[in-house]
């Protein structure tokens, strides 16, 4: 087994194991940590697929940004409520049946599909780097939505901190 195959199976096992464990975890904080493990494993798979920009975006935006805000919110809520957030697993049998039905449908559709490699498309060199093109578009044509999303995320973080600090000061 060569190194890329070993790394592929390693990241695949980490992602599948963490996603499977996510189904049975009861603590929300541990669930968020398992989601981070899944996202980091997927970023490793993206790197193996030569999609470095998507991998870095996956780490920065999802694992580094959104989940940190989620963990921050969970930690604030558990501190204010005084008890940890615990998820009750109800309807396990029906959820398993629905999941198996979707899995069966996906396997059926994938078994009917033919996957053909196109060596002519892979041999033609690209004239522009996709990362460079995306960066130029973000900083020119799409700068307003990009900055608006950043400001909205910052406002949400500041609002969560203000709400937590007001409740803490009222309890004292």
C-alpha atoms as a PDB file:
ATOM      1  CA  UNK A   1       0.000   0.000   0.000  1.00  0.00           C
ATOM      2  CA  UNK A   2       1.467   3.355  -1.002  1.00  0.00           C
ATOM      3  CA  UNK A   3       1.340   6.551   1.059  1.00  0.00           C
ATOM      4  CA  UNK A   4      -1.587   8.261  -0.738  1.00  0.00           C
ATOM      5  CA  UNK A   5      -3.757   5.149  -0.376  1.00  0.00           C
ATOM      6  CA  UNK A   6      -2.854   4.855   3.299  1.00  0.00           C
ATOM      7  CA  UNK A   7      -3.681   8.530   3.900  1.00  0.00           C
ATOM      8  CA  UNK A   8      -6.961   8.197   2.008  1.00  0.00           C
ATOM      9  CA  UNK A   9      -8.079   5.266   4.145  1.00  0.00           C
ATOM     10  CA  UNK A  10      -6.827   6.996   7.301  1.00  0.00           C
ATOM     11  CA  UNK A  11      -8.854  10.161   6.647  1.00  0.00           C
ATOM     12  CA  UNK A  12     -11.844   8.110   5.501  1.00  0.00           C
ATOM     13  CA  UNK A  13     -11.838   6.035   8.703  1.00  0.00           C
ATOM     14  CA  UNK A  14     -11.496   9.177  10.850  1.00  0.00           C
ATOM     15  CA  UNK A  15     -14.392  10.907   9.051  1.00  0.00           C
ATOM     16  CA  UNK A  16     -16.666   7.854   9.089  1.00  0.00           C
ATOM     17  CA  UNK A  17     -15.818   7.006  12.704  1.00  0.00           C
ATOM     18  CA  UNK A  18     -16.434  10.532  13.951  1.00  0.00           C
ATOM     19  CA  UNK A  19     -19.673  10.790  11.952  1.00  0.00           C
ATOM     20  CA  UNK A  20     -20.820   7.445  13.340  1.00  0.00           C
ATOM     21  CA  UNK A  21     -19.922   8.462  16.889  1.00  0.00           C
ATOM     22  CA  UNK A  22     -21.875  11.672  16.353  1.00  0.00           C
ATOM     23  CA  UNK A  23     -25.038   9.595  16.134  1.00  0.00           C
ATOM     24  CA  UNK A  24     -24.605   8.235  19.646  1.00  0.00           C
ATOM     25  CA  UNK A  25     -23.073  11.114  21.597  1.00  0.00           C
ATOM     26  CA  UNK A  26     -25.299  12.727  24.214  1.00  0.00           C
ATOM     27  CA  UNK A  27     -23.254  15.802  25.116  1.00  0.00           C
ATOM     28  CA  UNK A  28     -23.551  18.686  22.638  1.00  0.00           C
ATOM     29  CA  UNK A  29     -19.984  19.877  23.275  1.00  0.00           C
ATOM     30  CA  UNK A  30     -18.566  16.449  22.397  1.00  0.00           C
ATOM     31  CA  UNK A  31     -20.796  16.446  19.329  1.00  0.00           C
ATOM     32  CA  UNK A  32     -19.290  19.742  18.192  1.00  0.00           C
ATOM     33  CA  UNK A  33     -15.798  18.311  18.683  1.00  0.00           C
ATOM     34  CA  UNK A  34     -16.740  15.289  16.580  1.00  0.00           C
ATOM     35  CA  UNK A  35     -18.024  17.600  13.830  1.00  0.00           C
ATOM     36  CA  UNK A  36     -14.633  19.344  13.883  1.00  0.00           C
ATOM     37  CA  UNK A  37     -12.948  15.945  13.503  1.00  0.00           C
ATOM     38  CA  UNK A  38     -15.161  15.139  10.495  1.00  0.00           C
ATOM     39  CA  UNK A  39     -14.443  18.500   8.855  1.00  0.00           C
ATOM     40  CA  UNK A  40     -10.682  18.184   9.368  1.00  0.00           C
ATOM     41  CA  UNK A  41     -10.708  14.661   7.932  1.00  0.00           C
ATOM     42  CA  UNK A  42     -12.639  15.931   4.910  1.00  0.00           C
ATOM     43  CA  UNK A  43     -10.050  18.675   4.486  1.00  0.00           C
ATOM     44  CA  UNK A  44      -7.388  15.952   4.409  1.00  0.00           C
ATOM     45  CA  UNK A  45      -9.347  14.167   1.686  1.00  0.00           C
ATOM     46  CA  UNK A  46      -9.593  17.400  -0.284  1.00  0.00           C
ATOM     47  CA  UNK A  47      -5.819  17.789  -0.098  1.00  0.00           C
ATOM     48  CA  UNK A  48      -5.383  14.260  -1.427  1.00  0.00           C
ATOM     49  CA  UNK A  49      -7.736  15.166  -4.301  1.00  0.00           C
ATOM     50  CA  UNK A  50      -5.511  18.180  -5.147  1.00  0.00           C
ATOM     51  CA  UNK A  51      -8.190  20.664  -4.078  1.00  0.00           C
ATOM     52  CA  UNK A  52      -5.978  22.638  -1.720  1.00  0.00           C
ATOM     53  CA  UNK A  53      -8.058  25.799  -1.793  1.00  0.00           C
ATOM     54  CA  UNK A  54     -11.212  23.913  -0.837  1.00  0.00           C
ATOM     55  CA  UNK A  55      -9.306  22.197   1.992  1.00  0.00           C
ATOM     56  CA  UNK A  56      -8.001  25.471   3.403  1.00  0.00           C
ATOM     57  CA  UNK A  57     -11.437  27.046   3.072  1.00  0.00           C
ATOM     58  CA  UNK A  58     -12.943  24.045   4.850  1.00  0.00           C
ATOM     59  CA  UNK A  59     -10.542  24.477   7.754  1.00  0.00           C
ATOM     60  CA  UNK A  60     -10.767  28.265   8.004  1.00  0.00           C
ATOM     61  CA  UNK A  61     -14.469  28.768   7.453  1.00  0.00           C
ATOM     62  CA  UNK A  62     -16.069  25.681   8.973  1.00  0.00           C
ATOM     63  CA  UNK A  63     -13.670  24.190  11.507  1.00  0.00           C
ATOM     64  CA  UNK A  64     -12.020  27.480  12.392  1.00  0.00           C
ATOM     65  CA  UNK A  65     -14.937  29.864  12.281  1.00  0.00           C
ATOM     66  CA  UNK A  66     -18.427  28.522  12.490  1.00  0.00           C
ATOM     67  CA  UNK A  67     -17.753  25.652  14.888  1.00  0.00           C
ATOM     68  CA  UNK A  68     -15.743  27.884  17.200  1.00  0.00           C
ATOM     69  CA  UNK A  69     -18.776  30.168  17.427  1.00  0.00           C
ATOM     70  CA  UNK A  70     -20.987  27.120  18.091  1.00  0.00           C
ATOM     71  CA  UNK A  71     -18.676  25.865  20.845  1.00  0.00           C
ATOM     72  CA  UNK A  72     -18.534  29.395  22.265  1.00  0.00           C
ATOM     73  CA  UNK A  73     -22.338  29.475  22.363  1.00  0.00           C
ATOM     74  CA  UNK A  74     -22.553  26.021  23.938  1.00  0.00           C
ATOM     75  CA  UNK A  75     -20.072  26.965  26.633  1.00  0.00           C
ATOM     76  CA  UNK A  76     -21.966  30.170  27.411  1.00  0.00           C
ATOM     77  CA  UNK A  77     -25.320  28.387  27.553  1.00  0.00           C
ATOM     78  CA  UNK A  78     -24.092  25.649  29.845  1.00  0.00           C
ATOM     79  CA  UNK A  79     -22.471  28.169  32.161  1.00  0.00           C
ATOM     80  CA  UNK A  80     -25.627  30.287  32.351  1.00  0.00           C
ATOM     81  CA  UNK A  81     -28.011  27.371  32.777  1.00  0.00           C
ATOM     82  CA  UNK A  82     -25.862  25.592  35.312  1.00  0.00           C
ATOM     83  CA  UNK A  83     -26.288  22.167  33.730  1.00  0.00           C
ATOM     84  CA  UNK A  84     -24.790  20.590  30.599  1.00  0.00           C
ATOM     85  CA  UNK A  85     -26.844  20.296  27.443  1.00  0.00           C
ATOM     86  CA  UNK A  86     -27.804  16.663  26.964  1.00  0.00           C
ATOM     87  CA  UNK A  87     -29.522  15.295  23.887  1.00  0.00           C
ATOM     88  CA  UNK A  88     -32.158  12.599  24.322  1.00  0.00           C
ATOM     89  CA  UNK A  89     -32.165  10.044  21.520  1.00  0.00           C
ATOM     90  CA  UNK A  90     -35.753   9.194  20.730  1.00  0.00           C
ATOM     91  CA  UNK A  91     -37.161   7.390  17.711  1.00  0.00           C
ATOM     92  CA  UNK A  92     -33.914   5.502  17.098  1.00  0.00           C
ATOM     93  CA  UNK A  93     -35.537   2.684  15.148  1.00  0.00           C
ATOM     94  CA  UNK A  94     -37.396   4.961  12.727  1.00  0.00           C
ATOM     95  CA  UNK A  95     -34.300   7.111  12.225  1.00  0.00           C
ATOM     96  CA  UNK A  96     -32.241   3.997  11.469  1.00  0.00           C
ATOM     97  CA  UNK A  97     -34.827   2.785   8.953  1.00  0.00           C
ATOM     98  CA  UNK A  98     -34.918   6.163   7.196  1.00  0.00           C
ATOM     99  CA  UNK A  99     -31.106   6.286   7.116  1.00  0.00           C
ATOM    100  CA  UNK A 100     -30.912   2.774   5.676  1.00  0.00           C
ATOM    101  CA  UNK A 101     -33.521   3.675   3.047  1.00  0.00           C
ATOM    102  CA  UNK A 102     -31.507   6.713   1.950  1.00  0.00           C
ATOM    103  CA  UNK A 103     -28.321   4.637   1.935  1.00  0.00           C
ATOM    104  CA  UNK A 104     -29.992   1.963  -0.198  1.00  0.00           C
ATOM    105  CA  UNK A 105     -31.309   4.560  -2.621  1.00  0.00           C
ATOM    106  CA  UNK A 106     -27.872   6.142  -2.895  1.00  0.00           C
ATOM    107  CA  UNK A 107     -26.208   2.764  -3.511  1.00  0.00           C
ATOM    108  CA  UNK A 108     -28.824   1.917  -6.145  1.00  0.00           C
ATOM    109  CA  UNK A 109     -28.303   5.198  -7.979  1.00  0.00           C
ATOM    110  CA  UNK A 110     -24.515   4.944  -7.797  1.00  0.00           C
ATOM    111  CA  UNK A 111     -24.543   1.364  -9.075  1.00  0.00           C
ATOM    112  CA  UNK A 112     -26.486   2.439 -12.171  1.00  0.00           C
ATOM    113  CA  UNK A 113     -24.095   5.311 -12.935  1.00  0.00           C
ATOM    114  CA  UNK A 114     -21.088   4.844 -15.218  1.00  0.00           C
ATOM    115  CA  UNK A 115     -17.982   6.718 -14.251  1.00  0.00           C
ATOM    116  CA  UNK A 116     -15.609   7.350 -17.142  1.00  0.00           C
ATOM    117  CA  UNK A 117     -12.281   9.112 -16.927  1.00  0.00           C
ATOM    118  CA  UNK A 118     -11.675  11.784 -19.543  1.00  0.00           C
ATOM    119  CA  UNK A 119      -7.936  11.827 -20.219  1.00  0.00           C
ATOM    120  CA  UNK A 120      -8.307  14.556 -22.851  1.00  0.00           C
ATOM    121  CA  UNK A 121      -9.722  16.983 -20.291  1.00  0.00           C
ATOM    122  CA  UNK A 122      -7.041  16.160 -17.762  1.00  0.00           C
ATOM    123  CA  UNK A 123      -4.229  16.668 -20.277  1.00  0.00           C
ATOM    124  CA  UNK A 124      -5.245  20.210 -21.275  1.00  0.00           C
ATOM    125  CA  UNK A 125      -3.521  22.809 -19.103  1.00  0.00           C
ATOM    126  CA  UNK A 126      -5.664  25.486 -17.522  1.00  0.00           C
ATOM    127  CA  UNK A 127      -4.787  29.030 -18.445  1.00  0.00           C
ATOM    128  CA  UNK A 128      -5.837  30.630 -15.167  1.00  0.00           C
ATOM    129  CA  UNK A 129      -5.362  29.427 -11.649  1.00  0.00           C
ATOM    130  CA  UNK A 130      -8.745  28.923 -10.014  1.00  0.00           C
ATOM    131  CA  UNK A 131      -7.583  30.299  -6.666  1.00  0.00           C
ATOM    132  CA  UNK A 132      -6.281  33.447  -8.319  1.00  0.00           C
ATOM    133  CA  UNK A 133      -9.508  33.882 -10.272  1.00  0.00           C
ATOM    134  CA  UNK A 134     -11.639  33.346  -7.167  1.00  0.00           C
ATOM    135  CA  UNK A 135      -9.556  35.815  -5.153  1.00  0.00           C
ATOM    136  CA  UNK A 136      -9.819  38.439  -7.874  1.00  0.00           C
ATOM    137  CA  UNK A 137     -13.603  37.981  -8.058  1.00  0.00           C
ATOM    138  CA  UNK A 138     -14.002  38.173  -4.266  1.00  0.00           C
ATOM    139  CA  UNK A 139     -12.058  41.413  -4.103  1.00  0.00           C
ATOM    140  CA  UNK A 140     -13.688  43.044  -7.127  1.00  0.00           C
ATOM    141  CA  UNK A 141     -17.167  41.911  -8.195  1.00  0.00           C
ATOM    142  CA  UNK A 142     -18.257  40.218  -4.952  1.00  0.00           C
ATOM    143  CA  UNK A 143     -16.586  42.440  -2.354  1.00  0.00           C
ATOM    144  CA  UNK A 144     -19.903  43.740  -0.947  1.00  0.00           C
ATOM    145  CA  UNK A 145     -21.430  40.295  -0.159  1.00  0.00           C
ATOM    146  CA  UNK A 146     -18.043  39.094   1.151  1.00  0.00           C
ATOM    147  CA  UNK A 147     -17.678  42.015   3.555  1.00  0.00           C
ATOM    148  CA  UNK A 148     -21.367  41.884   4.527  1.00  0.00           C
ATOM    149  CA  UNK A 149     -21.045  38.223   5.545  1.00  0.00           C
ATOM    150  CA  UNK A 150     -17.972  39.063   7.626  1.00  0.00           C
ATOM    151  CA  UNK A 151     -19.738  41.951   9.363  1.00  0.00           C
ATOM    152  CA  UNK A 152     -22.822  39.799  10.082  1.00  0.00           C
ATOM    153  CA  UNK A 153     -20.662  37.097  11.672  1.00  0.00           C
ATOM    154  CA  UNK A 154     -18.850  39.705  13.761  1.00  0.00           C
ATOM    155  CA  UNK A 155     -22.164  41.228  14.881  1.00  0.00           C
ATOM    156  CA  UNK A 156     -23.465  37.793  15.894  1.00  0.00           C
ATOM    157  CA  UNK A 157     -20.351  37.129  17.980  1.00  0.00           C
ATOM    158  CA  UNK A 158     -20.528  40.535  19.673  1.00  0.00           C
ATOM    159  CA  UNK A 159     -24.261  40.065  20.316  1.00  0.00           C
ATOM    160  CA  UNK A 160     -23.656  36.680  21.958  1.00  0.00           C
ATOM    161  CA  UNK A 161     -20.974  38.192  24.190  1.00  0.00           C
ATOM    162  CA  UNK A 162     -23.238  41.118  25.165  1.00  0.00           C
ATOM    163  CA  UNK A 163     -26.175  38.823  25.977  1.00  0.00           C
ATOM    164  CA  UNK A 164     -23.939  36.579  28.087  1.00  0.00           C
ATOM    165  CA  UNK A 165     -22.390  39.507  29.943  1.00  0.00           C
ATOM    166  CA  UNK A 166     -25.814  41.077  30.706  1.00  0.00           C
ATOM    167  CA  UNK A 167     -27.160  37.847  32.158  1.00  0.00           C
ATOM    168  CA  UNK A 168     -24.026  37.364  34.214  1.00  0.00           C
ATOM    169  CA  UNK A 169     -24.221  40.886  35.657  1.00  0.00           C
ATOM    170  CA  UNK A 170     -27.918  40.410  36.601  1.00  0.00           C
ATOM    171  CA  UNK A 171     -27.143  37.198  38.488  1.00  0.00           C
ATOM    172  CA  UNK A 172     -24.430  38.786  40.611  1.00  0.00           C
END
